[in-house]
Amino acid sequence: MNTTISSLIALEIGHVQKLADECVADILTDLPNEQIQVGVNDTTGFIFELNNKRFTLLNTGSWSLAVRIC
């Protein structure tokens, strides 16, 4: 998880990182997050904050990714 956190913190706005399932679970368990509506079937979305940087997390069950949004 520490490697993933470091990688996320280093992302520039608009850049994307693929996430392993266990990292998604850790993020959603350990960090404050808000579920958002996503207009794609079988996809859930969340917004979370890490080190004063905001991210959108998309999870389809097959893959997950985080996008730095600000």
PDB file of N, CA and C in Angstrom:
ATOM      1  N   MET A   1       0.820  -1.197   0.000  1.00  0.00           N
ATOM      2  CA  MET A   1       0.000   0.000   0.000  1.00  0.00           C
ATOM      3  C   MET A   1       0.863   1.260   0.000  1.00  0.00           C
ATOM      4  N   ASN A   2       2.004   1.251   0.706  1.00  0.00           N
ATOM      5  CA  ASN A   2       2.865   2.437   0.763  1.00  0.00           C
ATOM      6  C   ASN A   2       3.366   2.834  -0.613  1.00  0.00           C
ATOM      7  N   THR A   3       3.694   1.850  -1.458  1.00  0.00           N
ATOM      8  CA  THR A   3       4.149   2.139  -2.818  1.00  0.00           C
ATOM      9  C   THR A   3       3.030   2.800  -3.611  1.00  0.00           C
ATOM     10  N   THR A   4       1.824   2.296  -3.463  1.00  0.00           N
ATOM     11  CA  THR A   4       0.677   2.874  -4.161  1.00  0.00           C
ATOM     12  C   THR A   4       0.422   4.296  -3.691  1.00  0.00           C
ATOM     13  N   ILE A   5       0.473   4.527  -2.395  1.00  0.00           N
ATOM     14  CA  ILE A   5       0.268   5.877  -1.852  1.00  0.00           C
ATOM     15  C   ILE A   5       1.313   6.830  -2.414  1.00  0.00           C
ATOM     16  N   SER A   6       2.568   6.420  -2.434  1.00  0.00           N
ATOM     17  CA  SER A   6       3.638   7.262  -2.979  1.00  0.00           C
ATOM     18  C   SER A   6       3.393   7.570  -4.448  1.00  0.00           C
ATOM     19  N   SER A   7       2.959   6.563  -5.203  1.00  0.00           N
ATOM     20  CA  SER A   7       2.679   6.764  -6.628  1.00  0.00           C
ATOM     21  C   SER A   7       1.515   7.723  -6.837  1.00  0.00           C
ATOM     22  N   LEU A   8       0.480   7.587  -6.020  1.00  0.00           N
ATOM     23  CA  LEU A   8      -0.667   8.485  -6.143  1.00  0.00           C
ATOM     24  C   LEU A   8      -0.282   9.920  -5.814  1.00  0.00           C
ATOM     25  N   ILE A   9       0.479  10.108  -4.759  1.00  0.00           N
ATOM     26  CA  ILE A   9       0.896  11.456  -4.364  1.00  0.00           C
ATOM     27  C   ILE A   9       1.714  12.119  -5.468  1.00  0.00           C
ATOM     28  N   ALA A  10       2.487  11.333  -6.214  1.00  0.00           N
ATOM     29  CA  ALA A  10       3.341  11.868  -7.272  1.00  0.00           C
ATOM     30  C   ALA A  10       2.584  12.178  -8.566  1.00  0.00           C
ATOM     31  N   LEU A  11       1.337  11.728  -8.694  1.00  0.00           N
ATOM     32  CA  LEU A  11       0.580  11.960  -9.928  1.00  0.00           C
ATOM     33  C   LEU A  11       0.321  13.440 -10.151  1.00  0.00           C
ATOM     34  N   GLU A  12       0.372  13.838 -11.414  1.00  0.00           N
ATOM     35  CA  GLU A  12      -0.015  15.190 -11.809  1.00  0.00           C
ATOM     36  C   GLU A  12      -1.523  15.206 -12.061  1.00  0.00           C
ATOM     37  N   ILE A  13      -2.119  16.365 -12.043  1.00  0.00           N
ATOM     38  CA  ILE A  13      -3.554  16.488 -12.304  1.00  0.00           C
ATOM     39  C   ILE A  13      -3.868  15.907 -13.678  1.00  0.00           C
ATOM     40  N   GLY A  14      -4.899  15.053 -13.731  1.00  0.00           N
ATOM     41  CA  GLY A  14      -5.319  14.420 -14.972  1.00  0.00           C
ATOM     42  C   GLY A  14      -4.643  13.100 -15.263  1.00  0.00           C
ATOM     43  N   HIS A  15      -3.621  12.745 -14.497  1.00  0.00           N
ATOM     44  CA  HIS A  15      -2.922  11.479 -14.714  1.00  0.00           C
ATOM     45  C   HIS A  15      -3.637  10.353 -13.978  1.00  0.00           C
ATOM     46  N   VAL A  16      -3.436   9.128 -14.486  1.00  0.00           N
ATOM     47  CA  VAL A  16      -4.185   7.955 -14.030  1.00  0.00           C
ATOM     48  C   VAL A  16      -3.235   6.893 -13.508  1.00  0.00           C
ATOM     49  N   GLN A  17      -3.675   6.163 -12.486  1.00  0.00           N
ATOM     50  CA  GLN A  17      -2.915   5.025 -11.946  1.00  0.00           C
ATOM     51  C   GLN A  17      -3.852   3.837 -11.803  1.00  0.00           C
ATOM     52  N   LYS A  18      -3.453   2.686 -12.336  1.00  0.00           N
ATOM     53  CA  LYS A  18      -4.216   1.457 -12.137  1.00  0.00           C
ATOM     54  C   LYS A  18      -3.976   0.985 -10.709  1.00  0.00           C
ATOM     55  N   LEU A  19      -5.022   0.468 -10.067  1.00  0.00           N
ATOM     56  CA  LEU A  19      -4.926   0.047  -8.673  1.00  0.00           C
ATOM     57  C   LEU A  19      -5.229  -1.440  -8.523  1.00  0.00           C
ATOM     58  N   ALA A  20      -4.483  -2.100  -7.664  1.00  0.00           N
ATOM     59  CA  ALA A  20      -4.761  -3.492  -7.311  1.00  0.00           C
ATOM     60  C   ALA A  20      -5.971  -3.528  -6.384  1.00  0.00           C
ATOM     61  N   ASP A  21      -6.693  -4.642  -6.406  1.00  0.00           N
ATOM     62  CA  ASP A  21      -7.912  -4.768  -5.595  1.00  0.00           C
ATOM     63  C   ASP A  21      -7.669  -4.495  -4.117  1.00  0.00           C
ATOM     64  N   GLU A  22      -6.556  -5.002  -3.572  1.00  0.00           N
ATOM     65  CA  GLU A  22      -6.288  -4.796  -2.145  1.00  0.00           C
ATOM     66  C   GLU A  22      -6.028  -3.326  -1.832  1.00  0.00           C
ATOM     67  N   CYS A  23      -5.461  -2.581  -2.778  1.00  0.00           N
ATOM     68  CA  CYS A  23      -5.236  -1.150  -2.566  1.00  0.00           C
ATOM     69  C   CYS A  23      -6.560  -0.391  -2.560  1.00  0.00           C
ATOM     70  N   VAL A  24      -7.481  -0.790  -3.433  1.00  0.00           N
ATOM     71  CA  VAL A  24      -8.801  -0.158  -3.457  1.00  0.00           C
ATOM     72  C   VAL A  24      -9.488  -0.359  -2.112  1.00  0.00           C
ATOM     73  N   ALA A  25      -9.446  -1.578  -1.615  1.00  0.00           N
ATOM     74  CA  ALA A  25     -10.068  -1.871  -0.317  1.00  0.00           C
ATOM     75  C   ALA A  25      -9.439  -1.028   0.785  1.00  0.00           C
ATOM     76  N   ASP A  26      -8.109  -0.908   0.783  1.00  0.00           N
ATOM     77  CA  ASP A  26      -7.426  -0.099   1.795  1.00  0.00           C
ATOM     78  C   ASP A  26      -7.820   1.374   1.688  1.00  0.00           C
ATOM     79  N   ILE A  27      -7.855   1.900   0.470  1.00  0.00           N
ATOM     80  CA  ILE A  27      -8.214   3.306   0.271  1.00  0.00           C
ATOM     81  C   ILE A  27      -9.623   3.568   0.791  1.00  0.00           C
ATOM     82  N   LEU A  28     -10.566   2.702   0.411  1.00  0.00           N
ATOM     83  CA  LEU A  28     -11.957   2.930   0.803  1.00  0.00           C
ATOM     84  C   LEU A  28     -12.194   2.689   2.283  1.00  0.00           C
ATOM     85  N   THR A  29     -11.338   1.888   2.912  1.00  0.00           N
ATOM     86  CA  THR A  29     -11.463   1.623   4.346  1.00  0.00           C
ATOM     87  C   THR A  29     -10.763   2.689   5.176  1.00  0.00           C
ATOM     88  N   ASP A  30      -9.565   3.101   4.750  1.00  0.00           N
ATOM     89  CA  ASP A  30      -8.711   3.957   5.572  1.00  0.00           C
ATOM     90  C   ASP A  30      -8.857   5.455   5.314  1.00  0.00           C
ATOM     91  N   LEU A  31      -9.332   5.847   4.139  1.00  0.00           N
ATOM     92  CA  LEU A  31      -9.404   7.265   3.799  1.00  0.00           C
ATOM     93  C   LEU A  31     -10.858   7.715   3.695  1.00  0.00           C
ATOM     94  N   PRO A  32     -11.136   8.953   4.120  1.00  0.00           N
ATOM     95  CA  PRO A  32     -12.487   9.469   3.930  1.00  0.00           C
ATOM     96  C   PRO A  32     -12.801   9.503   2.433  1.00  0.00           C
ATOM     97  N   ASN A  33     -14.003   9.079   2.064  1.00  0.00           N
ATOM     98  CA  ASN A  33     -14.370   9.068   0.652  1.00  0.00           C
ATOM     99  C   ASN A  33     -15.859   9.328   0.511  1.00  0.00           C
ATOM    100  N   GLU A  34     -16.237   9.674  -0.700  1.00  0.00           N
ATOM    101  CA  GLU A  34     -17.638   9.952  -1.016  1.00  0.00           C
ATOM    102  C   GLU A  34     -17.982   9.213  -2.295  1.00  0.00           C
ATOM    103  N   GLN A  35     -19.035   8.417  -2.271  1.00  0.00           N
ATOM    104  CA  GLN A  35     -19.448   7.712  -3.480  1.00  0.00           C
ATOM    105  C   GLN A  35     -20.123   8.695  -4.423  1.00  0.00           C
ATOM    106  N   ILE A  36     -19.822   8.567  -5.717  1.00  0.00           N
ATOM    107  CA  ILE A  36     -20.399   9.442  -6.736  1.00  0.00           C
ATOM    108  C   ILE A  36     -21.135   8.593  -7.769  1.00  0.00           C
ATOM    109  N   GLN A  37     -22.064   9.218  -8.470  1.00  0.00           N
ATOM    110  CA  GLN A  37     -22.794   8.545  -9.537  1.00  0.00           C
ATOM    111  C   GLN A  37     -21.916   8.467 -10.783  1.00  0.00           C
ATOM    112  N   VAL A  38     -21.882   7.283 -11.392  1.00  0.00           N
ATOM    113  CA  VAL A  38     -21.127   7.072 -12.624  1.00  0.00           C
ATOM    114  C   VAL A  38     -22.110   6.512 -13.643  1.00  0.00           C
ATOM    115  N   GLY A  39     -22.144   7.082 -14.833  1.00  0.00           N
ATOM    116  CA  GLY A  39     -23.104   6.658 -15.845  1.00  0.00           C
ATOM    117  C   GLY A  39     -22.636   5.478 -16.670  1.00  0.00           C
ATOM    118  N   VAL A  40     -21.970   4.533 -16.042  1.00  0.00           N
ATOM    119  CA  VAL A  40     -21.481   3.336 -16.728  1.00  0.00           C
ATOM    120  C   VAL A  40     -21.972   2.130 -15.938  1.00  0.00           C
ATOM    121  N   ASN A  41     -22.543   1.151 -16.634  1.00  0.00           N
ATOM    122  CA  ASN A  41     -23.036  -0.053 -15.955  1.00  0.00           C
ATOM    123  C   ASN A  41     -21.930  -0.760 -15.194  1.00  0.00           C
ATOM    124  N   ASP A  42     -22.269  -1.303 -14.038  1.00  0.00           N
ATOM    125  CA  ASP A  42     -21.358  -2.107 -13.218  1.00  0.00           C
ATOM    126  C   ASP A  42     -20.085  -1.370 -12.820  1.00  0.00           C
ATOM    127  N   THR A  43     -20.172  -0.054 -12.673  1.00  0.00           N
ATOM    128  CA  THR A  43     -19.021   0.746 -12.256  1.00  0.00           C
ATOM    129  C   THR A  43     -19.428   1.595 -11.060  1.00  0.00           C
ATOM    130  N   THR A  44     -18.572   1.622 -10.057  1.00  0.00           N
ATOM    131  CA  THR A  44     -18.791   2.507  -8.916  1.00  0.00           C
ATOM    132  C   THR A  44     -17.684   3.547  -8.893  1.00  0.00           C
ATOM    133  N   GLY A  45     -18.008   4.721  -8.427  1.00  0.00           N
ATOM    134  CA  GLY A  45     -17.036   5.796  -8.359  1.00  0.00           C
ATOM    135  C   GLY A  45     -16.993   6.408  -6.975  1.00  0.00           C
ATOM    136  N   PHE A  46     -15.815   6.866  -6.605  1.00  0.00           N
ATOM    137  CA  PHE A  46     -15.597   7.491  -5.304  1.00  0.00           C
ATOM    138  C   PHE A  46     -14.645   8.656  -5.483  1.00  0.00           C
ATOM    139  N   ILE A  47     -14.781   9.651  -4.628  1.00  0.00           N
ATOM    140  CA  ILE A  47     -13.807  10.731  -4.538  1.00  0.00           C
ATOM    141  C   ILE A  47     -13.134  10.600  -3.183  1.00  0.00           C
ATOM    142  N   PHE A  48     -11.805  10.695  -3.171  1.00  0.00           N
ATOM    143  CA  PHE A  48     -11.072  10.655  -1.912  1.00  0.00           C
ATOM    144  C   PHE A  48      -9.939  11.662  -1.956  1.00  0.00           C
ATOM    145  N   GLU A  49      -9.435  12.006  -0.771  1.00  0.00           N
ATOM    146  CA  GLU A  49      -8.355  12.980  -0.636  1.00  0.00           C
ATOM    147  C   GLU A  49      -7.166  12.324   0.039  1.00  0.00           C
ATOM    148  N   LEU A  50      -5.984  12.669  -0.456  1.00  0.00           N
ATOM    149  CA  LEU A  50      -4.735  12.137   0.074  1.00  0.00           C
ATOM    150  C   LEU A  50      -3.688  13.237  -0.005  1.00  0.00           C
ATOM    151  N   ASN A  51      -3.124  13.636   1.122  1.00  0.00           N
ATOM    152  CA  ASN A  51      -2.110  14.704   1.172  1.00  0.00           C
ATOM    153  C   ASN A  51      -2.575  15.980   0.465  1.00  0.00           C
ATOM    154  N   ASN A  52      -3.802  16.405   0.740  1.00  0.00           N
ATOM    155  CA  ASN A  52      -4.381  17.615   0.155  1.00  0.00           C
ATOM    156  C   ASN A  52      -4.533  17.543  -1.359  1.00  0.00           C
ATOM    157  N   LYS A  53      -4.550  16.342  -1.924  1.00  0.00           N
ATOM    158  CA  LYS A  53      -4.783  16.135  -3.352  1.00  0.00           C
ATOM    159  C   LYS A  53      -6.045  15.288  -3.473  1.00  0.00           C
ATOM    160  N   ARG A  54      -6.884  15.623  -4.452  1.00  0.00           N
ATOM    161  CA  ARG A  54      -8.158  14.900  -4.623  1.00  0.00           C
ATOM    162  C   ARG A  54      -8.074  13.956  -5.818  1.00  0.00           C
ATOM    163  N   PHE A  55      -8.745  12.811  -5.662  1.00  0.00           N
ATOM    164  CA  PHE A  55      -8.722  11.766  -6.679  1.00  0.00           C
ATOM    165  C   PHE A  55     -10.129  11.232  -6.906  1.00  0.00           C
ATOM    166  N   THR A  56     -10.378  10.763  -8.118  1.00  0.00           N
ATOM    167  CA  THR A  56     -11.567   9.979  -8.415  1.00  0.00           C
ATOM    168  C   THR A  56     -11.116   8.543  -8.586  1.00  0.00           C
ATOM    169  N   LEU A  57     -11.807   7.627  -7.928  1.00  0.00           N
ATOM    170  CA  LEU A  57     -11.520   6.200  -8.030  1.00  0.00           C
ATOM    171  C   LEU A  57     -12.686   5.549  -8.766  1.00  0.00           C
ATOM    172  N   LEU A  58     -12.393   4.824  -9.837  1.00  0.00           N
ATOM    173  CA  LEU A  58     -13.403   4.073 -10.578  1.00  0.00           C
ATOM    174  C   LEU A  58     -13.120   2.595 -10.412  1.00  0.00           C
ATOM    175  N   ASN A  59     -14.170   1.837 -10.088  1.00  0.00           N
ATOM    176  CA  ASN A  59     -14.023   0.401  -9.851  1.00  0.00           C
ATOM    177  C   ASN A  59     -15.095  -0.326 -10.650  1.00  0.00           C
ATOM    178  N   THR A  60     -14.658  -1.250 -11.530  1.00  0.00           N
ATOM    179  CA  THR A  60     -15.612  -1.992 -12.359  1.00  0.00           C
ATOM    180  C   THR A  60     -15.772  -3.429 -11.908  1.00  0.00           C
ATOM    181  N   GLY A  61     -14.958  -3.891 -10.999  1.00  0.00           N
ATOM    182  CA  GLY A  61     -14.938  -5.303 -10.645  1.00  0.00           C
ATOM    183  C   GLY A  61     -13.864  -6.032 -11.432  1.00  0.00           C
ATOM    184  N   SER A  62     -13.573  -5.573 -12.652  1.00  0.00           N
ATOM    185  CA  SER A  62     -12.489  -6.145 -13.458  1.00  0.00           C
ATOM    186  C   SER A  62     -11.204  -5.340 -13.305  1.00  0.00           C
ATOM    187  N   TRP A  63     -11.343  -4.056 -13.114  1.00  0.00           N
ATOM    188  CA  TRP A  63     -10.189  -3.176 -12.940  1.00  0.00           C
ATOM    189  C   TRP A  63     -10.606  -1.959 -12.124  1.00  0.00           C
ATOM    190  N   SER A  64      -9.599  -1.305 -11.574  1.00  0.00           N
ATOM    191  CA  SER A  64      -9.814  -0.075 -10.808  1.00  0.00           C
ATOM    192  C   SER A  64      -8.726   0.915 -11.173  1.00  0.00           C
ATOM    193  N   LEU A  65      -9.081   2.183 -11.164  1.00  0.00           N
ATOM    194  CA  LEU A  65      -8.074   3.207 -11.416  1.00  0.00           C
ATOM    195  C   LEU A  65      -8.396   4.447 -10.615  1.00  0.00           C
ATOM    196  N   ALA A  66      -7.358   5.234 -10.399  1.00  0.00           N
ATOM    197  CA  ALA A  66      -7.495   6.512  -9.706  1.00  0.00           C
ATOM    198  C   ALA A  66      -6.997   7.604 -10.638  1.00  0.00           C
ATOM    199  N   VAL A  67      -7.726   8.714 -10.681  1.00  0.00           N
ATOM    200  CA  VAL A  67      -7.361   9.871 -11.485  1.00  0.00           C
ATOM    201  C   VAL A  67      -7.208  11.048 -10.542  1.00  0.00           C
ATOM    202  N   ARG A  68      -6.066  11.722 -10.619  1.00  0.00           N
ATOM    203  CA  ARG A  68      -5.907  12.926  -9.791  1.00  0.00           C
ATOM    204  C   ARG A  68      -6.717  14.043 -10.419  1.00  0.00           C
ATOM    205  N   ILE A  69      -7.600  14.661  -9.619  1.00  0.00           N
ATOM    206  CA  ILE A  69      -8.476  15.698 -10.157  1.00  0.00           C
ATOM    207  C   ILE A  69      -8.118  17.107  -9.679  1.00  0.00           C
ATOM    208  N   CYS A  70      -7.362  17.242  -8.610  1.00  0.00           N
ATOM    209  CA  CYS A  70      -6.856  18.558  -8.192  1.00  0.00           C
ATOM    210  C   CYS A  70      -5.884  18.399  -7.053  1.00  0.00           C
TER     211      CYS A  70
END
